[in-house]
C-alpha atoms as a PDB file:
ATOM      1  CA  MET A   1      72.165 101.562  80.612  1.00  0.00           C
ATOM      2  CA  PRO A   2      72.285 105.240  80.167  1.00  0.00           C
ATOM      3  CA  PHE A   3      75.643 105.593  82.109  1.00  0.00           C
ATOM      4  CA  ARG A   4      78.341 102.856  81.901  1.00  0.00           C
ATOM      5  CA  MET A   5      81.998 103.191  82.843  1.00  0.00           C
ATOM      6  CA  GLU A   6      85.038 100.906  82.846  1.00  0.00           C
ATOM      7  CA  ILE A   7      88.891 100.958  83.638  1.00  0.00           C
ATOM      8  CA  VAL A   8      91.105  99.767  80.724  1.00  0.00           C
ATOM      9  CA  PRO A   9      94.649  99.414  81.722  1.00  0.00           C
ATOM     10  CA  TYR A  10      97.240  99.189  78.784  1.00  0.00           C
ATOM     11  CA  GLU A  11      98.991  96.189  80.523  1.00  0.00           C
ATOM     12  CA  ASP A  12      97.395  93.248  82.131  1.00  0.00           C
ATOM     13  CA  GLN A  13     100.159  93.197  84.890  1.00  0.00           C
ATOM     14  CA  VAL A  14     102.498  95.427  86.650  1.00  0.00           C
ATOM     15  CA  VAL A  15     105.923  93.687  86.453  1.00  0.00           C
ATOM     16  CA  LEU A  16     108.739  94.775  88.933  1.00  0.00           C
ATOM     17  CA  HIS A  17     112.264  93.684  88.389  1.00  0.00           C
ATOM     18  CA  GLY A  18     114.711  93.095  91.147  1.00  0.00           C
ATOM     19  CA  PRO A  19     114.443  92.694  94.877  1.00  0.00           C
ATOM     20  CA  PRO A  20     112.244  95.266  96.693  1.00  0.00           C
ATOM     21  CA  SER A  21     115.250  97.215  97.828  1.00  0.00           C
ATOM     22  CA  GLU A  22     116.565  97.691  94.356  1.00  0.00           C
ATOM     23  CA  SER A  23     113.528  97.834  92.017  1.00  0.00           C
ATOM     24  CA  GLY A  24     112.867 101.086  90.500  1.00  0.00           C
ATOM     25  CA  GLY A  25     109.137 100.727  90.280  1.00  0.00           C
ATOM     26  CA  VAL A  26     107.054 101.280  87.139  1.00  0.00           C
ATOM     27  CA  VAL A  27     104.208 103.329  85.850  1.00  0.00           C
ATOM     28  CA  LEU A  28     100.811 101.640  84.775  1.00  0.00           C
ATOM     29  CA  GLU A  29      99.176 103.678  81.929  1.00  0.00           C
ATOM     30  CA  GLY A  30      95.518 103.143  80.886  1.00  0.00           C
ATOM     31  CA  LYS A  31      92.153 104.950  80.625  1.00  0.00           C
ATOM     32  CA  VAL A  32      88.815 105.131  82.131  1.00  0.00           C
ATOM     33  CA  VAL A  33      86.056 105.060  79.465  1.00  0.00           C
ATOM     34  CA  ILE A  34      82.535 106.454  80.174  1.00  0.00           C
ATOM     35  CA  TYR A  35      79.542 105.445  77.798  1.00  0.00           C
ATOM     36  CA  ILE A  36      76.530 107.612  77.926  1.00  0.00           C
ATOM     37  CA  LEU A  37      73.354 108.005  75.803  1.00  0.00           C
ATOM     38  CA  GLU A  38      72.467 111.544  76.749  1.00  0.00           C
ATOM     39  CA  GLU A  39      73.898 114.657  78.168  1.00  0.00           C
ATOM     40  CA  THR A  40      75.205 114.034  81.587  1.00  0.00           C
ATOM     41  CA  LYS A  41      76.608 116.238  84.245  1.00  0.00           C
ATOM     42  CA  ILE A  42      79.368 115.210  86.554  1.00  0.00           C
ATOM     43  CA  LYS A  43      80.843 116.918  89.689  1.00  0.00           C
ATOM     44  CA  SER A  44      84.163 115.127  89.550  1.00  0.00           C
ATOM     45  CA  LEU A  45      85.879 112.044  88.022  1.00  0.00           C
ATOM     46  CA  SER A  46      88.650 110.326  90.080  1.00  0.00           C
ATOM     47  CA  LEU A  47      90.673 106.972  90.198  1.00  0.00           C
ATOM     48  CA  LYS A  48      91.538 105.403  93.567  1.00  0.00           C
ATOM     49  CA  LEU A  49      94.322 102.794  93.872  1.00  0.00           C
ATOM     50  CA  THR A  50      94.437 100.631  97.077  1.00  0.00           C
ATOM     51  CA  GLY A  51      96.405  97.725  98.268  1.00  0.00           C
ATOM     52  CA  LYS A  52      95.725  95.640 100.948  1.00  0.00           C
ATOM     53  CA  ALA A  53      97.358  92.573 102.754  1.00  0.00           C
ATOM     54  CA  LYS A  54      94.916  90.307 104.738  1.00  0.00           C
ATOM     55  CA  ALA A  55      95.544  87.010 106.789  1.00  0.00           C
ATOM     56  CA  SER A  56      93.369  84.634 108.852  1.00  0.00           C
ATOM     57  CA  TRP A  57      94.251  81.889 111.206  1.00  0.00           C
ATOM     58  CA  LYS A  58      92.806  79.668 113.900  1.00  0.00           C
ATOM     59  CA  CYS A  59      93.907  79.751 117.523  1.00  0.00           C
ATOM     60  CA  THR A  60      92.497  77.919 120.529  1.00  0.00           C
ATOM     61  CA  TYR A  61      91.963  79.621 124.117  1.00  0.00           C
ATOM     62  CA  ASP A  62      89.402  78.818 126.822  1.00  0.00           C
ATOM     63  CA  GLY A  63      88.800  75.360 125.276  1.00  0.00           C
ATOM     64  CA  LYS A  64      87.383  76.852 122.187  1.00  0.00           C
ATOM     65  CA  THR A  65      88.719  77.492 118.709  1.00  0.00           C
ATOM     66  CA  HIS A  66      88.574  81.053 117.497  1.00  0.00           C
ATOM     67  CA  VAL A  67      89.200  82.357 113.960  1.00  0.00           C
ATOM     68  CA  ARG A  68      91.301  85.574 113.850  1.00  0.00           C
ATOM     69  CA  HIS A  69      91.727  88.130 110.982  1.00  0.00           C
ATOM     70  CA  ALA A  70      94.301  90.658 110.405  1.00  0.00           C
ATOM     71  CA  LYS A  71      94.760  93.387 107.679  1.00  0.00           C
ATOM     72  CA  ARG A  72      97.218  96.094 106.707  1.00  0.00           C
ATOM     73  CA  GLU A  73      96.918  98.876 104.144  1.00  0.00           C
ATOM     74  CA  ILE A  74      99.944  98.831 101.746  1.00  0.00           C
ATOM     75  CA  ILE A  75      98.990 101.696  99.441  1.00  0.00           C
ATOM     76  CA  LYS A  76      96.262 104.396  99.038  1.00  0.00           C
ATOM     77  CA  MET A  77      96.375 106.985  96.192  1.00  0.00           C
ATOM     78  CA  VAL A  78      93.583 109.149  94.575  1.00  0.00           C
ATOM     79  CA  LYS A  79      94.222 110.571  91.210  1.00  0.00           C
ATOM     80  CA  PRO A  80      91.638 113.141  89.859  1.00  0.00           C
ATOM     81  CA  LEU A  81      90.775 112.930  86.102  1.00  0.00           C
ATOM     82  CA  LEU A  82      88.131 115.457  86.247  1.00  0.00           C
ATOM     83  CA  PRO A  83      88.725 117.909  89.199  1.00  0.00           C
ATOM     84  CA  VAL A  84      85.928 119.421  91.187  1.00  0.00           C
ATOM     85  CA  LYS A  85      85.167 123.079  90.102  1.00  0.00           C
ATOM     86  CA  THR A  86      82.552 125.669  90.534  1.00  0.00           C
ATOM     87  CA  GLU A  87      80.377 124.612  87.426  1.00  0.00           C
ATOM     88  CA  LEU A  88      79.571 120.923  86.730  1.00  0.00           C
ATOM     89  CA  HIS A  89      81.283 119.092  83.965  1.00  0.00           C
ATOM     90  CA  VAL A  90      78.835 118.351  81.035  1.00  0.00           C
ATOM     91  CA  LEU A  91      79.565 115.419  78.890  1.00  0.00           C
ATOM     92  CA  PRO A  92      77.661 115.121  75.606  1.00  0.00           C
ATOM     93  CA  PRO A  93      76.341 111.713  74.524  1.00  0.00           C
ATOM     94  CA  GLY A  94      78.769 109.256  73.289  1.00  0.00           C
ATOM     95  CA  LYS A  95      82.104 107.567  74.379  1.00  0.00           C
ATOM     96  CA  HIS A  96      84.469 109.587  76.585  1.00  0.00           C
ATOM     97  CA  GLU A  97      88.080 108.635  77.461  1.00  0.00           C
ATOM     98  CA  PHE A  98      90.239 109.955  80.339  1.00  0.00           C
ATOM     99  CA  GLY A  99      93.795 108.567  80.375  1.00  0.00           C
ATOM    100  CA  PHE A 100      95.683 107.936  83.643  1.00  0.00           C
ATOM    101  CA  GLU A 101      99.240 107.064  84.903  1.00  0.00           C
ATOM    102  CA  ILE A 102      99.556 105.317  88.082  1.00  0.00           C
ATOM    103  CA  PRO A 103     103.041 104.876  89.769  1.00  0.00           C
ATOM    104  CA  PHE A 104     103.811 101.771  91.457  1.00  0.00           C
ATOM    105  CA  GLU A 105     107.024 101.787  93.767  1.00  0.00           C
ATOM    106  CA  GLY A 106     109.457  98.931  93.449  1.00  0.00           C
ATOM    107  CA  SER A 107     108.991  98.098  97.128  1.00  0.00           C
ATOM    108  CA  LEU A 108     105.418  97.038  96.863  1.00  0.00           C
ATOM    109  CA  PRO A 109     104.812  93.359  97.734  1.00  0.00           C
ATOM    110  CA  GLU A 110     103.368  90.854  94.847  1.00  0.00           C
ATOM    111  CA  THR A 111      99.980  90.023  94.378  1.00  0.00           C
ATOM    112  CA  VAL A 112      98.997  86.911  96.324  1.00  0.00           C
ATOM    113  CA  HIS A 113      95.762  84.744  96.706  1.00  0.00           C
ATOM    114  CA  VAL A 114      96.135  81.821  98.942  1.00  0.00           C
ATOM    115  CA  LYS A 115      93.831  79.953 101.429  1.00  0.00           C
ATOM    116  CA  ASN A 116      94.595  81.974 104.491  1.00  0.00           C
ATOM    117  CA  GLY A 117      95.668  85.383 103.017  1.00  0.00           C
ATOM    118  CA  SER A 118      95.899  87.739 100.243  1.00  0.00           C
ATOM    119  CA  VAL A 119      97.767  90.815  98.882  1.00  0.00           C
ATOM    120  CA  GLN A 120      95.362  92.637  96.477  1.00  0.00           C
ATOM    121  CA  TYR A 121      95.452  95.889  94.547  1.00  0.00           C
ATOM    122  CA  ILE A 122      92.249  97.396  93.342  1.00  0.00           C
ATOM    123  CA  LEU A 123      91.723 100.486  91.021  1.00  0.00           C
ATOM    124  CA  LYS A 124      88.301 102.055  91.524  1.00  0.00           C
ATOM    125  CA  ALA A 125      86.992 104.843  89.202  1.00  0.00           C
ATOM    126  CA  ILE A 126      84.410 107.120  90.885  1.00  0.00           C
ATOM    127  CA  ALA A 127      82.136 109.575  88.949  1.00  0.00           C
ATOM    128  CA  ASP A 128      80.444 111.810  91.439  1.00  0.00           C
ATOM    129  CA  ARG A 129      77.171 113.004  90.017  1.00  0.00           C
ATOM    130  CA  PRO A 130      74.915 115.791  91.327  1.00  0.00           C
ATOM    131  CA  PHE A 131      71.597 115.046  93.248  1.00  0.00           C
ATOM    132  CA  PRO A 132      69.620 112.845  92.812  1.00  0.00           C
ATOM    133  CA  LYS A 133      71.936 110.916  90.839  1.00  0.00           C
ATOM    134  CA  ARG A 134      74.167 108.280  92.747  1.00  0.00           C
ATOM    135  CA  LYS A 135      77.946 107.964  92.465  1.00  0.00           C
ATOM    136  CA  ALA A 136      78.974 105.640  89.680  1.00  0.00           C
ATOM    137  CA  THR A 137      81.856 103.325  90.225  1.00  0.00           C
ATOM    138  CA  CYS A 138      83.701 100.496  88.730  1.00  0.00           C
ATOM    139  CA  ARG A 139      86.580  98.423  89.975  1.00  0.00           C
ATOM    140  CA  GLN A 140      89.477  96.508  88.338  1.00  0.00           C
ATOM    141  CA  GLU A 141      92.115  94.324  90.109  1.00  0.00           C
ATOM    142  CA  ILE A 142      95.785  94.947  89.028  1.00  0.00           C
ATOM    143  CA  GLN A 143      98.229  92.199  89.347  1.00  0.00           C
ATOM    144  CA  ILE A 144     101.941  92.589  90.614  1.00  0.00           C
ATOM    145  CA  ILE A 145     104.456  90.274  89.702  1.00  0.00           C
ATOM    146  CA  ARG A 146     108.234  90.353  90.476  1.00  0.00           C
ATOM    147  CA  TYR A 147     111.289  88.967  88.482  1.00  0.00           C
ATOM    148  CA  SER A 148     114.806  88.893  89.609  1.00  0.00           C
ATOM    149  CA  PHE A 149     117.364  90.928  87.494  1.00  0.00           C
ATOM    150  CA  PRO A 150     118.414  88.662  84.588  1.00  0.00           C
ATOM    151  CA  GLY A 151     122.143  89.345  85.249  1.00  0.00           C
ATOM    152  CA  SER A 152     122.240  89.503  88.913  1.00  0.00           C
ATOM    153  CA  VAL A 153     124.947  87.453  90.703  1.00  0.00           C
ATOM    154  CA  SER A 154     122.515  85.599  92.985  1.00  0.00           C
ATOM    155  CA  HIS A 155     120.108  84.839  90.050  1.00  0.00           C
ATOM    156  CA  LEU A 156     123.156  83.074  88.058  1.00  0.00           C
ATOM    157  CA  GLU A 157     124.400  81.160  90.828  1.00  0.00           C
ATOM    158  CA  PRO A 158     123.825  77.389  90.005  1.00  0.00           C
ATOM    159  CA  ILE A 159     122.645  74.787  92.574  1.00  0.00           C
ATOM    160  CA  ASN A 160     124.757  71.430  92.821  1.00  0.00           C
ATOM    161  CA  VAL A 161     123.855  68.819  95.421  1.00  0.00           C
ATOM    162  CA  HIS A 162     126.126  65.856  95.929  1.00  0.00           C
ATOM    163  CA  ASP A 163     125.235  62.812  98.355  1.00  0.00           C
ATOM    164  CA  VAL A 164     124.870  59.090  98.568  1.00  0.00           C
ATOM    165  CA  TRP A 165     121.526  57.415  98.616  1.00  0.00           C
ATOM    166  CA  ASN A 166     121.088  54.318 100.859  1.00  0.00           C
ATOM    167  CA  ASP A 167     124.922  54.294 101.640  1.00  0.00           C
ATOM    168  CA  ASN A 168     125.746  52.816  98.084  1.00  0.00           C
ATOM    169  CA  ILE A 169     124.377  55.068  95.235  1.00  0.00           C
ATOM    170  CA  PRO A 170     126.242  58.396  94.850  1.00  0.00           C
ATOM    171  CA  TYR A 171     124.203  61.008  93.149  1.00  0.00           C
ATOM    172  CA  GLU A 172     124.303  64.506  91.837  1.00  0.00           C
ATOM    173  CA  ILE A 173     121.536  67.057  91.451  1.00  0.00           C
ATOM    174  CA  SER A 174     122.049  70.349  89.497  1.00  0.00           C
ATOM    175  CA  LEU A 175     120.019  73.278  88.430  1.00  0.00           C
ATOM    176  CA  PRO A 176     121.709  75.850  86.037  1.00  0.00           C
ATOM    177  CA  VAL A 177     120.426  79.037  88.213  1.00  0.00           C
ATOM    178  CA  ARG A 178     119.152  79.707  91.538  1.00  0.00           C
ATOM    179  CA  SER A 179     115.762  81.579  90.958  1.00  0.00           C
ATOM    180  CA  PHE A 180     113.028  81.220  88.303  1.00  0.00           C
ATOM    181  CA  GLY A 181     110.035  83.525  87.441  1.00  0.00           C
ATOM    182  CA  LEU A 182     106.360  82.783  86.906  1.00  0.00           C
ATOM    183  CA  GLY A 183     105.913  80.464  84.005  1.00  0.00           C
ATOM    184  CA  ASP A 184     109.641  79.340  83.713  1.00  0.00           C
ATOM    185  CA  ILE A 185     110.513  75.712  82.804  1.00  0.00           C
ATOM    186  CA  ILE A 186     112.914  74.399  85.721  1.00  0.00           C
ATOM    187  CA  PRO A 187     115.552  72.156  84.223  1.00  0.00           C
ATOM    188  CA  VAL A 188     116.612  69.706  86.786  1.00  0.00           C
ATOM    189  CA  THR A 189     119.682  67.377  85.994  1.00  0.00           C
ATOM    190  CA  ILE A 190     119.976  64.076  88.112  1.00  0.00           C
ATOM    191  CA  LYS A 191     122.936  61.873  87.837  1.00  0.00           C
ATOM    192  CA  LEU A 192     123.555  58.602  89.433  1.00  0.00           C
ATOM    193  CA  PHE A 193     126.717  56.761  89.964  1.00  0.00           C
ATOM    194  CA  PRO A 194     125.876  53.134  91.157  1.00  0.00           C
ATOM    195  CA  GLU A 195     128.831  51.201  92.626  1.00  0.00           C
ATOM    196  CA  VAL A 196     127.163  47.950  91.730  1.00  0.00           C
ATOM    197  CA  LYS A 197     127.489  46.728  88.064  1.00  0.00           C
ATOM    198  CA  ASP A 198     124.358  46.399  86.033  1.00  0.00           C
ATOM    199  CA  ALA A 199     122.194  48.112  88.729  1.00  0.00           C
ATOM    200  CA  THR A 200     118.785  48.836  87.630  1.00  0.00           C
ATOM    201  CA  PHE A 201     116.209  51.455  88.712  1.00  0.00           C
ATOM    202  CA  LYS A 202     112.374  51.480  88.830  1.00  0.00           C
ATOM    203  CA  SER A 203     111.968  55.179  88.858  1.00  0.00           C
ATOM    204  CA  VAL A 204     113.606  58.428  89.497  1.00  0.00           C
ATOM    205  CA  SER A 205     111.175  61.301  90.574  1.00  0.00           C
ATOM    206  CA  CYS A 206     111.399  64.834  91.345  1.00  0.00           C
ATOM    207  CA  HIS A 207     108.954  66.832  93.788  1.00  0.00           C
ATOM    208  CA  LEU A 208     108.445  70.592  93.909  1.00  0.00           C
ATOM    209  CA  LYS A 209     107.461  71.813  97.238  1.00  0.00           C
ATOM    210  CA  GLU A 210     105.920  75.369  97.900  1.00  0.00           C
ATOM    211  CA  CYS A 211     106.267  77.074 101.218  1.00  0.00           C
ATOM    212  CA  VAL A 212     104.028  79.727 102.137  1.00  0.00           C
ATOM    213  CA  THR A 213     104.869  82.149 105.268  1.00  0.00           C
ATOM    214  CA  TYR A 214     102.118  84.246 106.883  1.00  0.00           C
ATOM    215  CA  CYS A 215     103.109  87.442 108.598  1.00  0.00           C
ATOM    216  CA  LYS A 216     100.626  89.183 110.801  1.00  0.00           C
ATOM    217  CA  PRO A 217      99.494  92.667 109.566  1.00  0.00           C
ATOM    218  CA  GLU A 218      98.964  95.482 111.800  1.00  0.00           C
ATOM    219  CA  THR A 219      95.170  95.515 112.643  1.00  0.00           C
ATOM    220  CA  VAL A 220      93.735  92.093 114.099  1.00  0.00           C
ATOM    221  CA  TRP A 221      90.158  91.281 114.942  1.00  0.00           C
ATOM    222  CA  ASP A 222      88.317  88.169 116.036  1.00  0.00           C
ATOM    223  CA  GLY A 223      86.031  86.562 113.502  1.00  0.00           C
END
C-alpha cells in the first residue's frame, strides 16, 4: 500500500487509581506512524478521542416486545498533530512518527463490554489529503481500568462473617481486604466448628457471583 498509518500507544491500558471523586487521572503517550512509498501531500493530521456508553434492553407494550437502545457521549477530544496551514505538508517517502499526549480524567468510567451494554474509548487518527485523495484513517481501542488506592481505609478493611449452618454447625468466613483488582487472587478462609464429635463433610464450596447494573444513558431510540 502506498499509504499506511497506525496508532502506537506506549501502554496497553490506561490505569486509574482510586475512586472517581479522588483520582488525579493520567496521560496516555504514544505516536501515530505513517508509512509512505512516495512523496505525499497532507492538509492536516489529527488524533480524535471518543468515549461512548451504550445500553440495550427489551420492553413490552401493546402486546409486542421491543428492543430499545440508549447511548451517551462520555468524552470527545481532538488533538492536531499536523495543523492546517496555507501550504500543504509534504512528506518524503519513508516512515514518519508523530508523538502525542492524551489526558484521561480520573472521573472517567472504566471500559466495559457486556451482553447488553458497553463503555468504549476509541482513538482515531485522521490524515486529510488533498483532492482527489480520500482521508486516511485508523482506529485503536483504549482500555481504561481502575484500581483502589492500596493504602485507603476502605480497601484495607477485612470481611468477617459469622453464622450457624443448619442450626448446628457454626462457621466463619473471612477475607483479608474488602476490594480486589483485575487479576488479583481472592483468598477466602472458611472455618467450621461442628458441635457433633467426629462430624464429616462431603465438600465445602465457594461461589463468586457477579452483579451488573445498567443505567440508561441520555439518548434513547427504538431498535
